[in-house]
Amino acid sequence: MFRISLRLLSYEKQWNSSCYSLVQRLKLRDLDSLPAHKCVKILPKPDGCRVILVGTAHINKPSVDLVTKVIECSQPDAVLLELCAERERILHNEENPFDPYSAVGRHLSRTGGFGEFAFEAVVKLLREFLKGLGHYGGEFIAANRVSKTIAGCQIVLGDQLQSVTMNNLVNAFPQDFGRTGEKLLSLFSGSRLMNKEGTKTITSFEDIKTADPGELYDIAHPTMVSMRSSVPNLYNALVDDRDRFMANKLNDIVRLQTLPASTDGVCKVPGVVVGVVGLGHLDGIQRYWWNKTTFIQSGGNK
């Protein structure tokens, strides 16, 4: 937990609203009380700043509770969401949430897609996944709501634009889409999803909605590994490119915060940012975070 010295507090009259908001966050910040959960990862920087990465399932109620707890404990300077400007409406449309299938369908219709058979295969896959999906993105709505109660906390839309991802996805499919489609569908087909130990089985969307996010991670991880090897072009366009984008964004926004500590000096306080991302991005973002070459273009550090 960060502590504010009495000396620092004695200069409160010098502060502008930004400084005052930072002090309010620091007073309430309690990183020692962060939930010990396999879907909560601490990503530090050499200057003491840190990112708290939370992996979620987008239709999962316990994910909403986990995100809420992490944000309340960490009192972050900013919260990055796996959203972009083209999907921001999720945050303001709780009754009629964003429909990923409709978004893909609109894009394919507008661009001509990548062939009638390919379109039908994608439709089949998405319908299978989104059948009975219910509310999507509840953890983003909760993160936005809780962040508004924290002085000076900013919401950052940290994902690549949906239109860019869709274009990359279209370009990633090989000419022989049927073969790739079969591989992809085989990863997710059937009514049962099981972790690699075979000890946990998901048989319905209702299971996904109520399971602990850690149990879902145990299932999502091997699925992502299989996808990466079976359909690498699709994986790169749909997952890996966005992992890199969000890792860079997190690195860019977490920084030392400045407070006046005396009449002739300043106090540097390590920043804290929470990242709320889907379970499928949890491993990739961490991989890029620890890769020393990842942030060269954005000027960041390890």
Protein backbone atom coordinates (compact mmCIF):
# COMPACT_ATOMS: atom_id res chain seq x y z
CA MET A 1 0.00 0.00 0.00
CA PHE A 2 1.20 3.49 -0.82
CA ARG A 3 1.36 5.88 2.12
CA ILE A 4 1.27 9.66 2.05
CA SER A 5 3.60 11.40 4.48
CA LEU A 6 2.37 14.20 6.72
CA ARG A 7 4.95 16.44 5.11
CA LEU A 8 3.42 15.82 1.71
CA LEU A 9 -0.08 16.47 2.98
CA SER A 10 1.04 19.78 4.45
CA TYR A 11 1.40 21.18 0.94
CA GLU A 12 -2.19 20.41 -0.05
CA LYS A 13 -2.97 24.10 -0.54
CA GLN A 14 -0.53 24.20 -3.48
CA TRP A 15 -2.27 21.49 -5.44
CA ASN A 16 -4.53 21.86 -8.41
CA SER A 17 -7.52 19.55 -8.91
CA SER A 18 -5.34 16.88 -10.57
CA CYS A 19 -2.98 16.74 -7.58
CA TYR A 20 -5.87 16.67 -5.16
CA SER A 21 -7.47 13.77 -7.03
CA LEU A 22 -4.21 11.82 -6.94
CA VAL A 23 -3.93 12.23 -3.18
CA GLN A 24 -7.50 11.00 -2.74
CA ARG A 25 -6.63 7.87 -4.74
CA LEU A 26 -3.42 7.31 -2.77
CA LYS A 27 -5.23 7.61 0.55
CA LEU A 28 -7.61 4.80 -0.42
CA ARG A 29 -5.22 2.63 -2.46
CA ASP A 30 -4.72 -0.78 -0.86
CA LEU A 31 -2.79 -3.08 -3.15
CA ASP A 32 -2.28 -5.56 -0.30
CA SER A 33 -6.00 -6.33 -0.48
CA LEU A 34 -6.03 -7.23 -4.17
CA PRO A 35 -7.69 -10.62 -4.72
CA ALA A 36 -5.21 -13.47 -5.04
CA HIS A 37 -6.58 -14.90 -8.27
CA LYS A 38 -4.99 -16.56 -11.29
CA CYS A 39 -6.77 -14.05 -13.54
CA VAL A 40 -5.21 -11.05 -11.76
CA LYS A 41 -1.64 -10.38 -12.89
CA ILE A 42 0.74 -7.66 -11.66
CA LEU A 43 2.99 -6.25 -14.39
CA PRO A 44 5.64 -3.94 -12.89
CA LYS A 45 7.92 -1.41 -14.57
CA PRO A 46 11.45 -0.52 -13.46
CA ASP A 47 10.30 2.89 -12.17
CA GLY A 48 7.88 1.25 -9.70
CA CYS A 49 4.76 1.80 -11.77
CA ARG A 50 2.58 -1.22 -12.27
CA VAL A 51 -0.25 -2.55 -14.38
CA ILE A 52 -2.85 -4.79 -12.79
CA LEU A 53 -4.19 -6.99 -15.55
CA VAL A 54 -7.57 -8.67 -15.03
CA GLY A 55 -8.68 -11.48 -17.36
CA THR A 56 -12.41 -11.85 -17.81
CA ALA A 57 -15.11 -13.76 -19.65
CA HIS A 58 -17.43 -11.27 -21.29
CA ILE A 59 -20.68 -12.93 -20.19
CA ASN A 60 -19.48 -14.05 -16.77
CA LYS A 61 -20.97 -12.58 -13.58
CA PRO A 62 -17.99 -13.50 -11.32
CA SER A 63 -15.77 -11.57 -13.78
CA VAL A 64 -17.84 -8.47 -13.03
CA ASP A 65 -17.31 -8.97 -9.30
CA LEU A 66 -13.56 -9.57 -9.76
CA VAL A 67 -13.08 -6.41 -11.84
CA THR A 68 -15.06 -4.36 -9.34
CA LYS A 69 -12.95 -5.61 -6.42
CA VAL A 70 -9.64 -4.97 -8.19
CA ILE A 71 -10.56 -1.41 -9.14
CA GLU A 72 -11.88 -0.59 -5.68
CA CYS A 73 -8.70 -1.89 -4.00
CA SER A 74 -6.19 -0.39 -6.42
CA GLN A 75 -7.81 3.06 -6.85
CA PRO A 76 -6.02 3.31 -10.22
CA ASP A 77 -5.01 6.38 -12.18
CA ALA A 78 -6.62 4.86 -15.26
CA VAL A 79 -8.56 1.78 -16.34
CA LEU A 80 -7.90 0.35 -19.79
CA LEU A 81 -10.76 -1.58 -21.37
CA GLU A 82 -10.60 -4.07 -24.24
CA LEU A 83 -12.79 -1.74 -26.27
CA CYS A 84 -12.27 0.79 -29.04
CA ALA A 85 -14.14 3.89 -30.19
CA GLU A 86 -16.24 1.74 -32.52
CA ARG A 87 -17.42 -0.41 -29.58
CA GLU A 88 -17.70 2.29 -26.92
CA ARG A 89 -21.49 2.06 -27.03
CA ILE A 90 -21.25 -1.03 -24.83
CA LEU A 91 -20.62 1.30 -21.91
CA HIS A 92 -23.82 3.27 -22.46
CA ASN A 93 -26.23 0.59 -23.61
CA GLU A 94 -26.81 -1.83 -20.77
CA GLU A 95 -30.25 -2.93 -21.97
CA ASN A 96 -29.20 -3.67 -25.55
CA PRO A 97 -25.51 -4.57 -25.37
CA PHE A 98 -23.07 -4.81 -28.26
CA ASP A 99 -23.55 -7.84 -30.49
CA PRO A 100 -20.20 -9.05 -31.88
CA TYR A 101 -21.93 -11.19 -34.52
CA SER A 102 -23.83 -8.23 -35.92
CA ALA A 103 -20.63 -6.20 -36.06
CA VAL A 104 -18.83 -8.90 -38.04
CA GLY A 105 -21.84 -9.43 -40.28
CA ARG A 106 -22.08 -5.71 -41.05
CA HIS A 107 -18.39 -5.57 -41.90
CA LEU A 108 -18.53 -8.59 -44.19
CA SER A 109 -21.63 -7.27 -45.94
CA ARG A 110 -20.02 -3.88 -46.44
CA THR A 111 -16.71 -5.22 -47.76
CA GLY A 112 -18.00 -8.19 -49.70
CA GLY A 113 -16.51 -10.58 -47.15
CA PHE A 114 -14.20 -13.32 -48.38
CA GLY A 115 -16.55 -15.49 -50.37
CA GLU A 116 -19.99 -16.97 -49.81
CA PHE A 117 -18.75 -20.21 -48.29
CA ALA A 118 -16.37 -18.38 -45.97
CA PHE A 119 -19.14 -16.08 -44.84
CA GLU A 120 -21.43 -19.00 -44.06
CA ALA A 121 -18.68 -20.74 -42.10
CA VAL A 122 -18.03 -17.63 -40.00
CA VAL A 123 -21.76 -17.20 -39.44
CA LYS A 124 -22.01 -20.81 -38.29
CA LEU A 125 -19.14 -20.38 -35.85
CA LEU A 126 -20.42 -17.12 -34.40
CA ARG A 127 -23.99 -18.35 -34.10
CA GLU A 128 -22.76 -21.38 -32.21
CA PHE A 129 -20.84 -19.15 -29.81
CA LEU A 130 -23.40 -16.42 -29.40
CA LYS A 131 -26.46 -18.63 -29.14
CA GLY A 132 -27.94 -17.94 -25.76
CA LEU A 133 -25.12 -15.54 -25.00
CA GLY A 134 -27.18 -13.03 -23.06
CA HIS A 135 -25.52 -9.87 -21.79
CA TYR A 136 -22.08 -9.15 -23.24
CA GLY A 137 -19.45 -6.89 -21.69
CA GLY A 138 -20.87 -6.54 -18.19
CA GLU A 139 -17.37 -6.27 -16.75
CA PHE A 140 -16.66 -3.23 -18.95
CA ILE A 141 -19.85 -1.54 -17.80
CA ALA A 142 -18.95 -2.29 -14.17
CA ALA A 143 -15.39 -0.99 -14.64
CA ASN A 144 -16.73 2.23 -16.15
CA ARG A 145 -19.22 2.66 -13.32
CA VAL A 146 -16.73 2.04 -10.50
CA SER A 147 -14.06 4.23 -12.14
CA LYS A 148 -16.44 7.18 -12.03
CA THR A 149 -16.45 6.96 -8.22
CA ILE A 150 -12.64 7.31 -8.05
CA ALA A 151 -11.22 10.83 -8.07
CA GLY A 152 -9.39 11.56 -11.32
CA CYS A 153 -9.52 8.00 -12.65
CA GLN A 154 -9.59 7.91 -16.45
CA ILE A 155 -11.21 5.33 -18.73
CA VAL A 156 -9.02 4.38 -21.71
CA LEU A 157 -10.35 2.53 -24.75
CA GLY A 158 -7.28 0.39 -25.30
CA ASP A 159 -8.10 -2.04 -28.09
CA GLN A 160 -7.35 -1.80 -31.77
CA LEU A 161 -10.19 -0.38 -33.87
CA GLN A 162 -12.73 -3.04 -34.72
CA SER A 163 -12.64 -2.11 -38.41
CA VAL A 164 -8.86 -2.64 -38.50
CA THR A 165 -9.22 -6.04 -36.84
CA MET A 166 -11.95 -7.04 -39.30
CA ASN A 167 -9.81 -6.00 -42.28
CA ASN A 168 -6.86 -7.94 -40.89
CA LEU A 169 -9.13 -10.92 -40.31
CA VAL A 170 -10.38 -10.88 -43.88
CA ASN A 171 -6.83 -10.64 -45.22
CA ALA A 172 -5.60 -13.41 -42.91
CA PHE A 173 -7.77 -16.15 -44.34
CA PRO A 174 -6.01 -18.27 -46.97
CA GLN A 175 -7.60 -19.05 -50.33
CA ASP A 176 -8.53 -22.51 -49.15
CA PHE A 177 -10.79 -21.20 -46.41
CA GLY A 178 -12.69 -24.50 -46.15
CA ARG A 179 -9.65 -26.26 -44.69
CA THR A 180 -8.96 -23.43 -42.25
CA GLY A 181 -12.64 -23.18 -41.35
CA GLU A 182 -12.75 -26.86 -40.49
CA LYS A 183 -9.71 -26.48 -38.24
CA LEU A 184 -11.23 -23.49 -36.51
CA LEU A 185 -14.62 -25.06 -36.03
CA SER A 186 -13.01 -28.20 -34.62
CA LEU A 187 -11.48 -26.14 -31.80
CA PHE A 188 -14.87 -24.96 -30.57
CA SER A 189 -17.39 -27.49 -31.87
CA GLY A 190 -19.45 -29.81 -29.73
CA SER A 191 -21.24 -29.12 -26.49
CA ARG A 192 -18.36 -29.73 -24.08
CA LEU A 193 -15.22 -27.74 -23.38
CA MET A 194 -12.69 -29.22 -20.97
CA ASN A 195 -9.49 -28.04 -19.33
CA LYS A 196 -6.24 -29.81 -20.13
CA GLU A 197 -6.38 -31.89 -16.95
CA GLY A 198 -9.87 -33.09 -17.81
CA THR A 199 -11.13 -32.07 -14.38
CA LYS A 200 -13.47 -29.25 -15.41
CA THR A 201 -16.08 -29.38 -18.15
CA ILE A 202 -18.20 -26.56 -19.53
CA THR A 203 -21.38 -27.85 -21.13
CA SER A 204 -23.45 -24.70 -21.68
CA PHE A 205 -23.36 -20.93 -21.77
CA GLU A 206 -25.02 -21.00 -18.37
CA ASP A 207 -21.85 -22.68 -17.06
CA ILE A 208 -19.76 -19.89 -18.56
CA LYS A 209 -21.96 -17.23 -17.00
CA THR A 210 -21.51 -18.60 -13.47
CA ALA A 211 -18.10 -20.34 -13.41
CA ASP A 212 -15.10 -18.85 -11.64
CA PRO A 213 -12.95 -16.95 -14.17
CA GLY A 214 -9.97 -19.08 -13.12
CA GLU A 215 -11.79 -22.23 -14.22
CA LEU A 216 -12.61 -20.60 -17.54
CA TYR A 217 -8.97 -19.57 -17.96
CA ASP A 218 -7.93 -23.23 -17.55
CA ILE A 219 -10.13 -23.99 -20.54
CA ALA A 220 -9.37 -20.87 -22.60
CA HIS A 221 -5.58 -21.28 -22.34
CA PRO A 222 -5.24 -24.63 -24.17
CA THR A 223 -7.83 -23.47 -26.70
CA MET A 224 -5.73 -20.40 -27.51
CA VAL A 225 -2.58 -22.55 -27.75
CA SER A 226 -4.34 -24.87 -30.20
CA MET A 227 -5.67 -21.95 -32.21
CA ARG A 228 -2.21 -20.40 -32.41
CA SER A 229 -0.75 -23.55 -33.95
CA SER A 230 -3.74 -24.68 -36.03
CA VAL A 231 -4.79 -21.37 -37.59
CA PRO A 232 -1.85 -18.99 -37.04
CA ASN A 233 -2.96 -16.37 -39.56
CA LEU A 234 -6.37 -16.12 -37.99
CA TYR A 235 -4.88 -16.13 -34.49
CA ASN A 236 -2.50 -13.30 -35.37
CA ALA A 237 -5.28 -11.15 -36.81
CA LEU A 238 -7.86 -11.84 -34.14
CA VAL A 239 -5.72 -12.18 -31.00
CA ASP A 240 -1.97 -11.58 -31.30
CA ASP A 241 -2.06 -8.20 -33.08
CA ARG A 242 -4.45 -6.93 -30.44
CA ASP A 243 -2.33 -8.35 -27.62
CA ARG A 244 0.59 -6.30 -28.88
CA PHE A 245 -1.57 -3.21 -29.35
CA MET A 246 -2.99 -3.38 -25.82
CA ALA A 247 0.40 -4.14 -24.22
CA ASN A 248 1.82 -1.03 -25.88
CA LYS A 249 -1.16 1.03 -24.80
CA LEU A 250 -0.80 -0.09 -21.19
CA ASN A 251 2.90 0.75 -21.26
CA ASP A 252 2.13 4.19 -22.63
CA ILE A 253 -0.46 5.18 -20.04
CA VAL A 254 1.11 3.90 -16.81
CA ARG A 255 3.59 6.51 -15.61
CA LEU A 256 5.00 8.28 -12.59
CA GLN A 257 2.58 10.77 -11.04
CA THR A 258 3.85 14.11 -9.79
CA LEU A 259 2.94 15.99 -6.63
CA PRO A 260 4.55 19.11 -5.15
CA ALA A 261 6.42 17.92 -2.07
CA SER A 262 7.87 21.27 -1.05
CA THR A 263 8.09 24.81 -2.30
CA ASP A 264 11.10 23.91 -4.43
CA GLY A 265 10.60 20.25 -5.30
CA VAL A 266 8.25 17.50 -6.40
CA CYS A 267 7.37 14.01 -5.27
CA LYS A 268 7.20 11.22 -7.85
CA VAL A 269 4.56 8.59 -7.09
CA PRO A 270 4.47 5.28 -9.01
CA GLY A 271 1.38 5.07 -11.19
CA VAL A 272 -1.16 2.25 -11.19
CA VAL A 273 -3.31 1.24 -14.15
CA VAL A 274 -5.87 -1.57 -14.30
CA GLY A 275 -6.34 -3.41 -17.61
CA VAL A 276 -9.62 -5.27 -18.15
CA VAL A 277 -9.25 -7.76 -21.01
CA GLY A 278 -10.71 -11.06 -22.15
CA LEU A 279 -9.14 -14.28 -20.91
CA GLY A 280 -7.87 -15.03 -24.41
CA HIS A 281 -5.63 -11.95 -24.24
CA LEU A 282 -4.21 -12.52 -20.75
CA ASP A 283 -1.20 -14.63 -21.79
CA GLY A 284 -0.37 -12.66 -24.92
CA ILE A 285 -0.32 -9.26 -23.22
CA GLN A 286 1.96 -10.64 -20.52
CA ARG A 287 4.23 -12.15 -23.16
CA TYR A 288 4.61 -8.80 -24.91
CA TRP A 289 5.01 -6.95 -21.61
CA TRP A 290 8.05 -9.02 -20.67
CA ASN A 291 9.51 -8.85 -24.19
CA LYS A 292 12.13 -6.07 -24.03
CA THR A 293 11.70 -5.22 -27.72
CA THR A 294 7.92 -4.82 -27.63
CA PHE A 295 7.78 -1.15 -26.75
CA ILE A 296 10.56 0.22 -28.96
CA GLN A 297 8.15 1.97 -31.34
CA SER A 298 6.16 3.59 -28.53
CA GLY A 299 9.29 4.57 -26.61
CA GLY A 300 8.42 2.55 -23.53
CA ASN A 301 10.43 0.18 -21.40
CA LYS A 302 10.24 -3.43 -20.39
